[in-house]
Amino acid sequence: MNRRTTLLAAAEFLAWWIALALLWLVLISTVDTLELAVGAGAAAVSALAAVAARRAVTGR
């Protein structure tokens, strides 16, 4: 894995994480510190799964 592919993988993960974290914030009713922490963690796990699933399907 060279530098370019590493940056692209990080950018893909970050894009998924932002989209999923924003979705979490839209769907919750109260925004407090614990909800933000749980949402960030859930978004990170989901973003990792989304990146892994895309790579499994495309083979890259």
Protein backbone atom coordinates (compact mmCIF):
# COMPACT_ATOMS: atom_id res chain seq x y z
CA MET A 1 0.00 0.00 0.00
CA ASN A 2 1.57 3.27 -1.05
CA ARG A 3 0.97 6.75 0.30
CA ARG A 4 -1.76 7.61 -2.22
CA THR A 5 -3.87 4.55 -1.50
CA THR A 6 -3.45 5.09 2.24
CA LEU A 7 -4.73 8.67 1.92
CA LEU A 8 -7.65 7.53 -0.24
CA ALA A 9 -8.59 4.85 2.30
CA ALA A 10 -8.42 7.38 5.13
CA ALA A 11 -10.52 9.86 3.15
CA GLU A 12 -13.13 7.18 2.40
CA PHE A 13 -13.30 6.22 6.07
CA LEU A 14 -13.60 9.87 7.11
CA ALA A 15 -16.37 10.52 4.59
CA TRP A 16 -18.36 7.52 5.86
CA TRP A 17 -17.75 8.55 9.46
CA ILE A 18 -18.98 12.11 8.88
CA ALA A 19 -22.10 10.95 7.05
CA LEU A 20 -22.99 8.37 9.70
CA ALA A 21 -22.24 10.70 12.62
CA LEU A 22 -24.48 13.38 11.09
CA LEU A 23 -27.22 10.80 10.60
CA TRP A 24 -26.90 9.82 14.27
CA LEU A 25 -27.20 13.47 15.33
CA VAL A 26 -30.32 13.93 13.21
CA LEU A 27 -32.00 10.86 14.68
CA ILE A 28 -31.36 11.46 18.40
CA SER A 29 -33.61 13.70 20.45
CA THR A 30 -31.13 15.02 23.02
CA VAL A 31 -27.57 16.05 22.33
CA ASP A 32 -25.30 15.62 25.32
CA THR A 33 -21.72 14.45 25.79
CA LEU A 34 -22.55 10.78 26.24
CA GLU A 35 -24.75 10.71 23.13
CA LEU A 36 -21.97 12.37 21.11
CA ALA A 37 -19.43 9.81 22.33
CA VAL A 38 -21.71 6.85 21.59
CA GLY A 39 -22.59 8.29 18.19
CA ALA A 40 -18.94 8.84 17.29
CA GLY A 41 -18.08 5.28 18.28
CA ALA A 42 -21.03 3.76 16.44
CA ALA A 43 -20.23 5.83 13.36
CA ALA A 44 -16.59 4.69 13.45
CA VAL A 45 -17.53 1.01 13.67
CA SER A 46 -20.10 1.41 10.90
CA ALA A 47 -17.68 3.35 8.70
CA LEU A 48 -15.09 0.60 9.10
CA ALA A 49 -17.70 -1.99 8.13
CA ALA A 50 -18.75 0.05 5.09
CA VAL A 51 -15.16 0.40 3.87
CA ALA A 52 -14.50 -3.31 4.44
CA ALA A 53 -17.70 -4.30 2.63
CA ARG A 54 -16.88 -2.13 -0.39
CA ARG A 55 -13.38 -3.56 -0.58
CA ALA A 56 -14.74 -7.10 -0.32
CA VAL A 57 -17.13 -6.49 -3.19
CA THR A 58 -14.73 -4.63 -5.50
CA GLY A 59 -11.62 -6.61 -4.57
CA ARG A 60 -9.47 -3.48 -4.09
